């Protein structure tokens, strides 16, 4: 109801602007919008600019995504789901393509959380309208910048708007460095405890990690922040680690590049695991400079990975699982496979096989939940997991590739519609 009312308000603004132009009146072009949004803002105790943003979002939802608005009214999706669908699909102009996009996303919204739905929406939009996605990425890249926001207590926040591949790579490298330093500080603390019997760490105690004369302990987040400042200000992590140990660490990102895109003759988007579509030219550059890369074969209708191979012998099954899962497989979790454990659904000690039908990625938090609580999980085939809660409720988690996948038959119908003028859906 709120979306409908705000969309009606946007309609009033449009009518007033049309009326002013018809009477030949010259005025500030957004005066009608200011009038309406100011009145609503006063009644709602919000700023007029906040109301304007909500009016724009509501108008896009009601006028451009009618099925999503209907699902919101019926309660089958919530506001965060609807916002994800509209935000990622608002650039799709063709109503036929937008209708197919909306159908796919509403189906996925039935079992995905809003953050994961937003990631899926970016992929589906890029696959259905690659030209639109490429143009939006080009515009966004032109707005990259660094900002500082002052905080309380002598702190400030440094924000960097960067291409997603670079941002994820920076975080990965900082995390690897922080983990090495964290382990080194833990070993140093244990060595001091062994040298001083009065400071022995008990079996249930966590060793305190010393970082210098102050003797304070640092979490991984603190270490990431300290190493980041060290790298930016000095060009190397000189205040952390010994020699070039940390400097030798390189970032890891997982990118899926369609073979025709890699060859420069296709426009299907390259996908960054845990994020979504990224610039194809950057993906080709990374692939060209990589020491090795995997060939992943997907089912043409379901989108499920069928096999992963590499010319050099390696852990093929682990690479297959990374390509299939892309994240922790607990419903709602978005942690990437590189930060997860590969777990046997049925314990290996109880006869569980080491195969793709009995393995999945779980982050440490949900890995512990599976083994140490009343939660249970079973494999349903095709990489689909069913989690059973302590109260008996069941939650299905599907591999991202199957949810994001747009089968080739969709493009055939879209192409046919362009020639005949008929809506194929």
Protein backbone atom coordinates (compact mmCIF):
# COMPACT_ATOMS: atom_id res chain seq x y z
CA UNK A 1 0.00 0.00 0.00
CA UNK A 2 2.85 2.37 0.79
CA UNK A 3 4.46 1.72 -2.59
CA UNK A 4 1.15 2.38 -4.35
CA UNK A 5 0.60 5.65 -2.44
CA UNK A 6 4.13 6.89 -3.16
CA UNK A 7 3.78 5.92 -6.84
CA UNK A 8 0.50 7.87 -6.95
CA UNK A 9 2.37 10.85 -5.49
CA UNK A 10 4.91 10.55 -8.30
CA UNK A 11 1.97 10.56 -10.71
CA UNK A 12 0.67 13.80 -9.17
CA UNK A 13 4.09 15.36 -9.73
CA UNK A 14 4.05 14.29 -13.38
CA UNK A 15 0.54 15.70 -13.88
CA UNK A 16 1.49 19.04 -12.33
CA UNK A 17 4.59 19.35 -14.51
CA UNK A 18 2.51 18.57 -17.61
CA UNK A 19 -0.04 21.19 -16.58
CA UNK A 20 2.64 23.85 -16.07
CA UNK A 21 4.15 23.17 -19.49
CA UNK A 22 0.72 23.29 -21.14
CA UNK A 23 0.14 26.76 -19.65
CA UNK A 24 3.51 27.93 -20.86
CA UNK A 25 4.78 28.66 -17.38
CA UNK A 26 8.50 28.75 -16.87
CA UNK A 27 9.64 27.72 -13.43
CA UNK A 28 12.21 25.66 -11.63
CA UNK A 29 11.95 22.31 -13.39
CA UNK A 30 11.55 20.28 -10.18
CA UNK A 31 9.23 22.66 -8.32
CA UNK A 32 6.30 20.25 -8.49
CA UNK A 33 8.45 17.47 -7.07
CA UNK A 34 9.59 19.75 -4.26
CA UNK A 35 6.01 20.70 -3.44
CA UNK A 36 4.77 17.14 -3.12
CA UNK A 37 7.84 15.63 -1.45
CA UNK A 38 8.01 18.49 1.07
CA UNK A 39 4.39 17.97 2.10
CA UNK A 40 4.86 14.22 2.46
CA UNK A 41 8.14 14.73 4.28
CA UNK A 42 6.53 17.07 6.80
CA UNK A 43 3.75 14.55 7.47
CA UNK A 44 6.13 11.58 7.70
CA UNK A 45 8.84 13.50 9.64
CA UNK A 46 11.39 12.80 6.92
CA UNK A 47 13.51 15.03 4.70
CA UNK A 48 12.03 15.87 1.32
CA UNK A 49 15.04 14.28 -0.41
CA UNK A 50 14.45 11.01 1.42
CA UNK A 51 10.81 11.10 0.30
CA UNK A 52 11.90 11.81 -3.28
CA UNK A 53 14.13 8.72 -3.28
CA UNK A 54 11.30 6.58 -1.90
CA UNK A 55 8.86 7.99 -4.46
CA UNK A 56 11.29 7.11 -7.27
CA UNK A 57 11.78 3.57 -5.96
CA UNK A 58 8.03 3.06 -5.51
CA UNK A 59 7.29 4.35 -9.02
CA UNK A 60 9.83 1.92 -10.50
CA UNK A 61 8.31 -0.96 -8.55
CA UNK A 62 4.65 -0.25 -9.33
CA UNK A 63 5.02 0.84 -12.96
CA UNK A 64 7.96 -1.32 -14.09
CA UNK A 65 7.70 -4.48 -11.99
CA UNK A 66 4.00 -5.19 -11.58
CA UNK A 67 4.45 -8.88 -10.71
CA UNK A 68 6.97 -8.05 -8.01
CA UNK A 69 4.58 -5.44 -6.59
CA UNK A 70 1.80 -8.02 -6.59
CA UNK A 71 4.03 -10.55 -4.80
CA UNK A 72 4.90 -7.89 -2.21
CA UNK A 73 1.21 -7.15 -1.68
CA UNK A 74 0.46 -10.86 -1.24
CA UNK A 75 3.33 -11.29 1.21
CA UNK A 76 5.22 -13.91 -0.81
CA UNK A 77 8.28 -11.62 -0.85
CA UNK A 78 9.27 -8.83 1.51
CA UNK A 79 10.46 -5.31 0.84
CA UNK A 80 14.15 -6.25 0.74
CA UNK A 81 13.48 -8.92 -1.91
CA UNK A 82 11.47 -6.45 -4.00
CA UNK A 83 14.20 -3.79 -3.70
CA UNK A 84 16.84 -6.26 -4.91
CA UNK A 85 14.76 -7.20 -7.97
CA UNK A 86 14.00 -3.58 -8.90
CA UNK A 87 17.48 -2.18 -8.23
CA UNK A 88 19.25 -4.76 -10.41
CA UNK A 89 16.65 -4.85 -13.19
CA UNK A 90 15.64 -1.21 -13.54
CA UNK A 91 18.11 -0.74 -16.41
CA UNK A 92 16.40 -3.40 -18.57
CA UNK A 93 14.33 -1.43 -21.09
CA UNK A 94 12.80 -4.20 -23.24
CA UNK A 95 9.52 -5.22 -21.51
CA UNK A 96 9.81 -8.81 -22.77
CA UNK A 97 13.32 -9.21 -21.37
CA UNK A 98 12.29 -7.49 -18.15
CA UNK A 99 9.33 -9.86 -17.80
CA UNK A 100 11.60 -12.90 -18.09
CA UNK A 101 14.05 -11.35 -15.64
CA UNK A 102 11.23 -10.76 -13.16
CA UNK A 103 9.90 -14.31 -13.52
CA UNK A 104 13.31 -15.85 -12.80
CA UNK A 105 13.95 -13.62 -9.78
CA UNK A 106 10.51 -14.09 -8.22
CA UNK A 107 11.03 -17.84 -8.40
CA UNK A 108 14.43 -17.51 -6.73
CA UNK A 109 12.99 -15.17 -4.07
CA UNK A 110 10.94 -18.11 -2.80
CA UNK A 111 14.03 -19.71 -1.24
CA UNK A 112 16.83 -17.09 -1.18
CA UNK A 113 17.65 -14.31 1.28
CA UNK A 114 17.70 -10.70 -0.04
CA UNK A 115 21.54 -10.39 -0.18
CA UNK A 116 21.87 -13.65 -2.12
CA UNK A 117 18.90 -12.70 -4.32
CA UNK A 118 20.63 -9.42 -5.18
CA UNK A 119 23.76 -11.31 -6.28
CA UNK A 120 21.61 -13.63 -8.42
CA UNK A 121 19.73 -10.65 -9.88
CA UNK A 122 22.96 -9.02 -11.05
CA UNK A 123 23.93 -12.20 -12.90
CA UNK A 124 20.52 -12.79 -14.51
CA UNK A 125 20.25 -9.14 -15.62
CA UNK A 126 23.73 -9.26 -17.14
CA UNK A 127 22.97 -12.46 -19.02
CA UNK A 128 19.62 -11.30 -20.36
CA UNK A 129 20.82 -7.80 -21.31
CA UNK A 130 24.64 -7.82 -21.59
CA UNK A 131 24.80 -4.45 -23.36
CA UNK A 132 22.93 -2.76 -20.51
CA UNK A 133 25.16 -4.43 -17.92
CA UNK A 134 28.34 -3.40 -19.76
CA UNK A 135 27.17 0.22 -19.99
CA UNK A 136 26.27 0.34 -16.28
CA UNK A 137 29.70 -1.08 -15.36
CA UNK A 138 31.40 1.48 -17.59
CA UNK A 139 29.53 4.33 -15.90
CA UNK A 140 30.22 2.95 -12.43
CA UNK A 141 33.95 2.59 -13.17
CA UNK A 142 34.01 6.30 -14.02
CA UNK A 143 32.86 7.08 -10.47
CA UNK A 144 35.63 5.25 -8.60
CA UNK A 145 37.06 7.32 -5.77
CA UNK A 146 38.51 7.38 -2.26
CA UNK A 147 36.66 9.04 0.65
CA UNK A 148 37.36 9.65 4.32
CA UNK A 149 34.52 9.84 6.86
CA UNK A 150 35.43 11.21 10.28
CA UNK A 151 34.34 9.06 13.23
CA UNK A 152 34.41 9.57 16.97
CA UNK A 153 37.23 8.73 19.39
CA UNK A 154 40.09 9.65 17.08
CA UNK A 155 39.03 7.30 14.28
CA UNK A 156 38.14 7.79 10.60
CA UNK A 157 36.76 5.48 7.92
CA UNK A 158 38.56 5.18 4.57
CA UNK A 159 36.22 4.11 1.76
CA UNK A 160 37.39 3.06 -1.69
CA UNK A 161 34.97 2.59 -4.59
CA UNK A 162 36.83 0.19 -6.91
CA UNK A 163 36.10 -2.45 -9.56
CA UNK A 164 34.78 -5.50 -7.70
CA UNK A 165 37.64 -7.78 -8.77
CA UNK A 166 40.23 -5.41 -7.30
CA UNK A 167 38.27 -4.87 -4.08
CA UNK A 168 37.80 -8.61 -3.47
CA UNK A 169 41.45 -9.25 -4.31
CA UNK A 170 42.61 -6.60 -1.83
CA UNK A 171 40.48 -8.12 0.93
CA UNK A 172 41.73 -11.63 0.12
CA UNK A 173 45.40 -10.59 0.24
CA UNK A 174 44.93 -8.69 3.49
CA UNK A 175 43.16 -11.72 4.98
CA UNK A 176 45.96 -14.08 3.98
CA UNK A 177 48.56 -11.73 5.46
CA UNK A 178 46.54 -11.27 8.66
CA UNK A 179 46.19 -15.04 9.11
CA UNK A 180 49.95 -15.55 8.75
CA UNK A 181 50.67 -12.76 11.25
CA UNK A 182 47.96 -14.04 13.61
CA UNK A 183 49.56 -17.50 13.65
CA UNK A 184 53.04 -16.04 14.15
CA UNK A 185 51.90 -13.96 17.13
CA UNK A 186 50.17 -16.99 18.65
CA UNK A 187 53.39 -19.02 18.33
CA UNK A 188 55.37 -16.19 19.93
CA UNK A 189 52.96 -16.07 22.86
CA UNK A 190 53.26 -19.83 23.38
CA UNK A 191 57.07 -19.60 23.24
CA UNK A 192 57.05 -16.95 25.96
CA UNK A 193 54.72 -19.09 28.05
CA UNK A 194 57.09 -22.06 27.75
CA UNK A 195 60.02 -19.87 28.81
CA UNK A 196 58.10 -18.51 31.83
CA UNK A 197 56.37 -21.31 33.80
CA UNK A 198 54.31 -18.74 35.70
CA UNK A 199 52.61 -17.75 32.46
CA UNK A 200 51.54 -21.17 31.18
CA UNK A 201 48.43 -21.19 29.03
CA UNK A 202 45.84 -23.66 30.27
CA UNK A 203 44.06 -26.17 28.01
CA UNK A 204 40.88 -24.09 27.92
CA UNK A 205 42.56 -20.70 27.57
CA UNK A 206 42.99 -18.67 24.41
CA UNK A 207 46.59 -17.39 24.01
CA UNK A 208 46.85 -13.61 24.04
CA UNK A 209 48.50 -12.26 20.92
CA UNK A 210 51.14 -9.63 21.59
CA UNK A 211 51.77 -6.94 18.99
CA UNK A 212 54.54 -4.96 20.62
CA UNK A 213 55.45 -3.12 23.80
CA UNK A 214 51.79 -2.48 24.64
CA UNK A 215 51.16 -6.21 24.68
CA UNK A 216 47.64 -5.87 23.29
CA UNK A 217 45.98 -8.66 21.34
CA UNK A 218 44.72 -8.12 17.80
CA UNK A 219 41.84 -9.76 16.00
CA UNK A 220 41.96 -10.61 12.29
CA UNK A 221 39.98 -7.43 11.55
CA UNK A 222 42.52 -5.33 13.44
CA UNK A 223 45.41 -7.07 11.70
CA UNK A 224 43.83 -6.48 8.29
CA UNK A 225 43.46 -2.78 9.08
CA UNK A 226 47.03 -2.46 10.40
CA UNK A 227 48.57 -4.29 7.44
CA UNK A 228 46.48 -2.23 5.02
CA UNK A 229 47.86 1.00 6.50
CA UNK A 230 51.37 -0.49 6.45
CA UNK A 231 51.11 -1.40 2.76
CA UNK A 232 49.62 1.90 1.60
CA UNK A 233 51.97 4.14 3.58
CA UNK A 234 55.24 2.25 3.11
CA UNK A 235 54.67 0.13 -0.01
CA UNK A 236 55.38 -3.10 1.88
CA UNK A 237 54.21 -4.77 5.11
CA UNK A 238 57.45 -3.71 6.82
CA UNK A 239 55.99 -3.59 10.32
CA UNK A 240 54.60 -7.13 10.09
CA UNK A 241 56.21 -10.52 9.53
CA UNK A 242 59.79 -11.46 8.88
CA UNK A 243 61.62 -10.66 5.67
CA UNK A 244 59.48 -10.94 2.55
CA UNK A 245 57.12 -13.62 3.89
CA UNK A 246 54.01 -11.42 3.82
CA UNK A 247 55.06 -9.50 0.71
CA UNK A 248 55.20 -12.80 -1.22
CA UNK A 249 51.49 -13.47 -0.61
CA UNK A 250 49.30 -12.93 -3.66
CA UNK A 251 45.54 -12.41 -3.79
CA UNK A 252 43.14 -15.10 -5.01
CA UNK A 253 39.82 -14.48 -6.74
CA UNK A 254 37.55 -17.03 -8.43
CA UNK A 255 36.21 -15.86 -11.79
CA UNK A 256 34.11 -17.85 -14.26
CA UNK A 257 34.65 -16.71 -17.87
CA UNK A 258 32.52 -18.19 -20.70
CA UNK A 259 34.86 -19.59 -23.34
CA UNK A 260 33.53 -17.32 -26.11
CA UNK A 261 33.90 -14.28 -23.83
CA UNK A 262 37.47 -15.33 -23.04
CA UNK A 263 38.14 -15.54 -26.78
CA UNK A 264 36.73 -12.04 -27.29
CA UNK A 265 33.86 -13.13 -29.55
CA UNK A 266 31.05 -13.47 -26.98
CA UNK A 267 29.28 -11.06 -24.63
CA UNK A 268 28.13 -13.38 -21.81
CA UNK A 269 29.32 -11.83 -18.52
CA UNK A 270 32.30 -13.03 -16.53
CA UNK A 271 31.30 -13.82 -12.92
CA UNK A 272 33.24 -13.11 -9.75
CA UNK A 273 32.33 -15.71 -7.09
CA UNK A 274 30.55 -14.07 -4.18
CA UNK A 275 29.73 -10.93 -6.20
CA UNK A 276 28.42 -11.38 -9.74
CA UNK A 277 29.14 -9.88 -13.18
CA UNK A 278 32.46 -8.12 -13.74
CA UNK A 279 34.13 -6.43 -16.68
CA UNK A 280 34.92 -8.97 -19.41
CA UNK A 281 38.14 -7.25 -20.50
CA UNK A 282 39.51 -7.44 -16.94
CA UNK A 283 38.53 -11.12 -16.75
CA UNK A 284 40.36 -11.84 -20.03
CA UNK A 285 43.44 -10.02 -18.72
CA UNK A 286 43.42 -12.05 -15.51
CA UNK A 287 42.94 -15.31 -17.41
CA UNK A 288 45.83 -14.50 -19.72
CA UNK A 289 48.18 -13.88 -16.81
CA UNK A 290 47.04 -16.78 -14.60
CA UNK A 291 49.49 -19.63 -13.97
CA UNK A 292 46.64 -22.09 -14.47
CA UNK A 293 42.88 -22.11 -14.94
CA UNK A 294 40.09 -24.66 -14.84
CA UNK A 295 37.78 -25.69 -17.65
CA UNK A 296 34.25 -26.05 -16.22
CA UNK A 297 31.55 -27.77 -18.29
CA UNK A 298 27.95 -26.79 -17.41
CA UNK A 299 24.70 -28.57 -18.21
CA UNK A 300 23.03 -26.57 -21.06
CA UNK A 301 19.57 -26.59 -19.41
CA UNK A 302 20.09 -26.71 -15.63
CA UNK A 303 23.30 -24.68 -15.38
CA UNK A 304 24.85 -27.23 -13.00
CA UNK A 305 28.61 -27.88 -13.42
CA UNK A 306 29.13 -31.33 -14.93
CA UNK A 307 32.90 -31.62 -14.76
CA UNK A 308 36.06 -29.66 -14.08
CA UNK A 309 39.41 -30.51 -15.57
CA UNK A 310 42.85 -29.03 -16.03
CA UNK A 311 45.77 -30.06 -18.20
CA UNK A 312 48.03 -30.23 -15.17
CA UNK A 313 47.09 -32.84 -12.51
CA UNK A 314 45.49 -31.21 -9.44
CA UNK A 315 42.67 -31.59 -6.89
CA UNK A 316 39.93 -31.89 -9.51
CA UNK A 317 37.12 -32.67 -7.11
CA UNK A 318 37.89 -29.68 -4.90
CA UNK A 319 37.88 -27.39 -7.92
CA UNK A 320 34.57 -28.88 -9.04
CA UNK A 321 33.02 -28.15 -5.64
CA UNK A 322 34.32 -24.57 -5.66
CA UNK A 323 32.80 -24.04 -9.10
CA UNK A 324 29.49 -25.55 -7.99
CA UNK A 325 29.06 -24.01 -4.55
CA UNK A 326 30.63 -20.52 -4.87
CA UNK A 327 29.82 -19.91 -1.17
CA UNK A 328 28.97 -21.60 2.13
CA UNK A 329 25.97 -23.83 1.49
CA UNK A 330 24.01 -22.93 4.64
CA UNK A 331 20.88 -20.93 3.67
CA UNK A 332 21.67 -17.23 3.71
CA UNK A 333 25.45 -17.46 4.16
CA UNK A 334 27.65 -15.73 1.56
CA UNK A 335 31.16 -16.71 2.68
CA UNK A 336 33.33 -17.69 -0.32
CA UNK A 337 34.68 -21.26 -0.78
CA UNK A 338 38.27 -20.18 -0.12
CA UNK A 339 37.18 -19.39 3.46
CA UNK A 340 35.12 -22.57 3.90
CA UNK A 341 35.70 -26.23 4.76
CA UNK A 342 34.81 -29.07 2.39
CA UNK A 343 32.59 -31.30 4.51
CA UNK A 344 31.27 -34.84 4.08
CA UNK A 345 27.49 -34.74 4.38
CA UNK A 346 27.55 -38.31 5.61
CA UNK A 347 30.64 -38.76 7.78
CA UNK A 348 33.51 -40.53 6.10
CA UNK A 349 33.98 -42.59 9.26
CA UNK A 350 30.42 -43.88 8.84
CA UNK A 351 30.88 -44.91 5.23
CA UNK A 352 30.31 -41.59 3.48
CA UNK A 353 31.95 -41.42 0.06
CA UNK A 354 34.39 -38.72 -0.99
CA UNK A 355 32.46 -37.58 -4.06
CA UNK A 356 30.55 -34.52 -5.25
CA UNK A 357 27.25 -36.11 -4.13
CA UNK A 358 28.48 -36.24 -0.51
CA UNK A 359 30.52 -33.05 -0.23
CA UNK A 360 29.73 -29.35 0.18
CA UNK A 361 31.39 -26.16 1.39
CA UNK A 362 30.53 -24.92 4.90
CA UNK A 363 32.11 -21.95 6.65
CA UNK A 364 33.57 -22.77 10.10
CA UNK A 365 30.49 -21.33 11.83
CA UNK A 366 28.00 -23.51 9.96
CA UNK A 367 30.35 -26.50 9.83
CA UNK A 368 30.29 -26.46 13.63
CA UNK A 369 26.51 -25.99 13.60
CA UNK A 370 26.10 -29.13 11.49
CA UNK A 371 28.22 -31.32 13.75
CA UNK A 372 27.59 -29.86 17.21
CA UNK A 373 23.89 -29.02 17.17
CA UNK A 374 20.55 -30.58 16.28
CA UNK A 375 20.67 -29.18 12.74
CA UNK A 376 20.88 -31.87 10.04
CA UNK A 377 21.60 -31.73 6.31
CA UNK A 378 21.09 -34.16 3.45
CA UNK A 379 22.02 -34.18 -0.23
CA UNK A 380 19.05 -34.22 -2.62
CA UNK A 381 21.05 -34.68 -5.84
CA UNK A 382 22.33 -32.15 -8.34
CA UNK A 383 24.13 -30.23 -5.60
CA UNK A 384 20.87 -29.34 -3.82
CA UNK A 385 21.03 -29.49 0.00
CA UNK A 386 18.14 -29.76 2.43
CA UNK A 387 18.74 -28.44 5.94
CA UNK A 388 16.48 -29.65 8.73
CA UNK A 389 16.25 -27.37 11.76
CA UNK A 390 15.94 -28.53 15.39
CA UNK A 391 12.18 -27.80 15.18
CA UNK A 392 11.78 -29.92 12.04
CA UNK A 393 11.50 -27.09 9.51
CA UNK A 394 13.16 -27.78 6.15
CA UNK A 395 15.19 -25.29 4.10
CA UNK A 396 16.45 -26.00 0.58
CA UNK A 397 19.72 -24.48 -0.65
CA UNK A 398 20.47 -24.69 -4.38
CA UNK A 399 23.86 -24.13 -6.08
CA UNK A 400 24.07 -20.50 -7.27
CA UNK A 401 24.75 -21.56 -10.86
CA UNK A 402 21.38 -23.31 -11.14
CA UNK A 403 19.51 -20.28 -9.77
CA UNK A 404 21.37 -17.71 -11.91
CA UNK A 405 21.32 -19.78 -15.08
CA UNK A 406 19.44 -18.48 -18.12
CA UNK A 407 18.96 -21.40 -20.57
CA UNK A 408 19.72 -20.90 -24.24
CA UNK A 409 16.03 -21.47 -25.10
CA UNK A 410 15.25 -18.12 -23.45
CA UNK A 411 17.45 -16.29 -25.94
CA UNK A 412 15.87 -18.18 -28.84
CA UNK A 413 12.41 -17.03 -27.74
CA UNK A 414 13.59 -13.47 -27.20
CA UNK A 415 15.14 -13.42 -30.67
CA UNK A 416 11.94 -14.79 -32.20
CA UNK A 417 9.92 -12.10 -30.42
CA UNK A 418 12.09 -9.37 -31.93
CA UNK A 419 11.28 -10.59 -35.45
CA UNK A 420 7.56 -11.30 -34.95
CA UNK A 421 6.65 -8.61 -32.46
CA UNK A 422 4.96 -11.22 -30.25
CA UNK A 423 5.66 -11.70 -26.54
CA UNK A 424 7.02 -15.27 -26.15
CA UNK A 425 6.30 -15.51 -22.41
